[in-house]
Amino acid sequence: MQLEIRPDPAEVGRARRWARSRLAGSGIDADEPLAETLILLVSELVTNAVVHTGCPAVLRLCLPGGGADAATVRLEVADSSARPPAPRHADGDETNGRGLELVDGLADRWGWNPEGAGKRIWCELDRCASGAAQDSPYGAFGGFAYEAV
């Protein structure tokens, strides 16, 4: 499923609402940590596309539906700007520059690929088998696969 995004900051809220509506019936409850993390990632990637490219974009969301990838949620934002994403570290009180740092910290995997004249930035979240994460001492991250570095 996909959503066309105009180069307008108001599109970020629309993208979040769209993603929330797609969670209904997907097997991911709206109050699951996975859902909240997914919505935050949608917000960050769509914001980056809208603010840094000035081009229309396409938001794609691949939710669990059975099969080998049933435990993985994939989010992609494709735009027509050839400029690669530029992760940076914001200092102190800066209000910008943390988007890709957040994506890196929250997603299990992320990256980008050239696509036509533009690019596709993607990230994936893994769901652990229910019960496994709840036995974990990291209960706040239940439902996620994670790696401490």
Protein backbone atom coordinates (compact mmCIF):
# COMPACT_ATOMS: atom_id res chain seq x y z
CA MET A 1 0.00 0.00 0.00
CA GLN A 2 1.23 3.48 -0.76
CA LEU A 3 0.40 7.15 -0.33
CA GLU A 4 1.40 10.01 -2.62
CA ILE A 5 3.01 12.85 -0.64
CA ARG A 6 3.06 16.47 -1.84
CA PRO A 7 6.08 18.67 -0.93
CA ASP A 8 4.12 20.37 1.87
CA PRO A 9 4.82 20.09 5.63
CA ALA A 10 1.10 19.44 6.26
CA GLU A 11 1.58 16.11 4.50
CA VAL A 12 3.49 14.74 7.51
CA GLY A 13 0.34 14.68 9.64
CA ARG A 14 -1.65 13.17 6.79
CA ALA A 15 1.00 10.44 6.40
CA ARG A 16 0.80 9.60 10.12
CA ARG A 17 -3.01 9.37 9.98
CA TRP A 18 -2.80 7.19 6.87
CA ALA A 19 -0.29 4.84 8.50
CA ARG A 20 -2.43 4.56 11.66
CA SER A 21 -5.46 3.68 9.56
CA ARG A 22 -3.47 0.93 7.80
CA LEU A 23 -2.61 -0.68 11.14
CA ALA A 24 -6.28 -1.51 11.71
CA GLY A 25 -6.77 -5.11 10.70
CA SER A 26 -3.04 -5.75 10.22
CA GLY A 27 -2.59 -7.60 13.49
CA ILE A 28 -0.69 -4.67 15.01
CA ASP A 29 -2.71 -2.99 17.75
CA ALA A 30 -2.62 0.82 17.79
CA ASP A 31 -1.36 0.81 21.38
CA GLU A 32 1.51 -1.62 20.71
CA PRO A 33 5.01 -0.11 21.01
CA LEU A 34 5.58 -1.28 17.42
CA ALA A 35 2.72 0.92 16.20
CA GLU A 36 3.99 4.01 18.00
CA THR A 37 7.52 3.45 16.72
CA LEU A 38 6.23 2.93 13.19
CA ILE A 39 4.28 6.21 13.31
CA LEU A 40 7.37 8.06 14.56
CA LEU A 41 9.44 6.59 11.72
CA VAL A 42 6.77 7.60 9.18
CA SER A 43 6.91 11.11 10.60
CA GLU A 44 10.70 11.33 10.41
CA LEU A 45 11.11 9.91 6.89
CA VAL A 46 8.24 11.90 5.39
CA THR A 47 9.49 15.08 7.09
CA ASN A 48 12.94 14.51 5.59
CA ALA A 49 11.46 14.04 2.13
CA VAL A 50 9.22 17.11 2.37
CA VAL A 51 11.75 19.46 3.98
CA HIS A 52 15.00 18.43 2.32
CA THR A 53 13.96 17.60 -1.24
CA GLY A 54 11.06 19.91 -2.10
CA CYS A 55 9.83 17.09 -4.37
CA PRO A 56 6.73 14.91 -4.25
CA ALA A 57 7.32 11.52 -2.60
CA VAL A 58 5.65 8.15 -2.20
CA LEU A 59 5.22 6.51 1.19
CA ARG A 60 5.01 2.71 1.10
CA LEU A 61 4.09 0.51 4.02
CA CYS A 62 4.44 -3.28 3.99
CA LEU A 63 2.65 -4.80 6.99
CA PRO A 64 2.76 -8.42 8.16
CA GLY A 65 0.55 -10.67 6.10
CA GLY A 66 1.87 -14.17 6.66
CA GLY A 67 4.76 -16.06 5.16
CA ALA A 68 8.45 -15.74 5.92
CA ASP A 69 8.31 -11.95 6.42
CA ALA A 70 5.23 -12.02 8.70
CA ALA A 71 7.22 -10.55 11.57
CA THR A 72 8.76 -7.63 9.64
CA VAL A 73 7.23 -4.24 8.92
CA ARG A 74 8.88 -2.27 6.12
CA LEU A 75 8.49 1.45 5.53
CA GLU A 76 9.80 3.19 2.42
CA VAL A 77 9.79 6.77 1.21
CA ALA A 78 10.76 7.31 -2.43
CA ASP A 79 11.36 10.75 -3.92
CA SER A 80 12.74 12.17 -7.15
CA SER A 81 15.73 13.93 -5.59
CA ALA A 82 19.07 12.27 -6.36
CA ARG A 83 20.63 13.89 -3.27
CA PRO A 84 21.50 11.08 -0.82
CA PRO A 85 20.37 11.27 2.80
CA ALA A 86 22.95 12.95 5.01
CA PRO A 87 22.82 11.74 8.61
CA ARG A 88 24.19 14.27 11.07
CA HIS A 89 24.37 14.77 14.80
CA ALA A 90 22.51 17.77 16.22
CA ASP A 91 24.19 19.56 19.09
CA GLY A 92 22.56 20.89 22.24
CA ASP A 93 19.44 22.93 21.61
CA GLU A 94 19.35 22.53 17.83
CA THR A 95 15.81 21.78 16.70
CA ASN A 96 16.74 19.95 13.49
CA GLY A 97 19.17 17.23 12.49
CA ARG A 98 18.01 14.27 14.56
CA GLY A 99 15.70 12.54 12.07
CA LEU A 100 18.04 9.92 10.62
CA GLU A 101 19.68 9.50 14.02
CA LEU A 102 16.23 8.56 15.38
CA VAL A 103 15.63 6.22 12.47
CA ASP A 104 18.99 4.57 13.12
CA GLY A 105 18.17 4.14 16.80
CA LEU A 106 14.60 2.89 16.38
CA ALA A 107 14.69 0.73 13.25
CA ASP A 108 16.22 -2.73 13.16
CA ARG A 109 17.64 -1.94 9.73
CA TRP A 110 17.58 1.07 7.45
CA GLY A 111 19.26 2.26 4.33
CA TRP A 112 18.71 3.87 0.99
CA ASN A 113 18.97 2.93 -2.67
CA PRO A 114 19.02 4.94 -5.88
CA GLU A 115 15.70 4.62 -7.71
CA GLY A 116 15.39 6.05 -11.19
CA ALA A 117 16.36 9.72 -11.02
CA GLY A 118 15.75 9.73 -7.25
CA LYS A 119 16.10 7.46 -4.25
CA ARG A 120 14.25 5.22 -1.84
CA ILE A 121 14.93 5.43 1.91
CA TRP A 122 13.68 2.40 3.82
CA CYS A 123 13.59 0.99 7.32
CA GLU A 124 12.39 -2.24 8.87
CA LEU A 125 11.04 -3.19 12.28
CA ASP A 126 11.00 -6.79 13.48
CA ARG A 127 8.33 -8.25 15.74
CA CYS A 128 9.44 -10.94 18.17
CA ALA A 129 7.24 -13.93 18.86
CA SER A 130 4.75 -12.91 21.54
CA GLY A 131 5.84 -13.91 25.00
CA ALA A 132 9.57 -13.97 24.22
CA ALA A 133 9.99 -10.23 24.70
CA GLN A 134 7.77 -10.14 27.75
CA ASP A 135 10.17 -12.47 29.56
CA SER A 136 12.96 -10.05 28.73
CA PRO A 137 14.36 -7.66 31.34
CA TYR A 138 13.85 -4.98 28.68
CA GLY A 139 10.05 -4.97 28.93
CA ALA A 140 9.74 -1.45 27.55
CA PHE A 141 10.99 -2.81 24.23
CA GLY A 142 8.71 -5.87 24.23
CA GLY A 143 7.64 -6.95 20.77
CA PHE A 144 10.85 -5.78 19.12
CA ALA A 145 14.07 -7.46 18.12
CA TYR A 146 16.98 -5.31 19.22
CA GLU A 147 20.72 -5.33 19.56
CA ALA A 148 22.67 -3.43 22.18
CA VAL A 149 25.78 -1.73 20.90
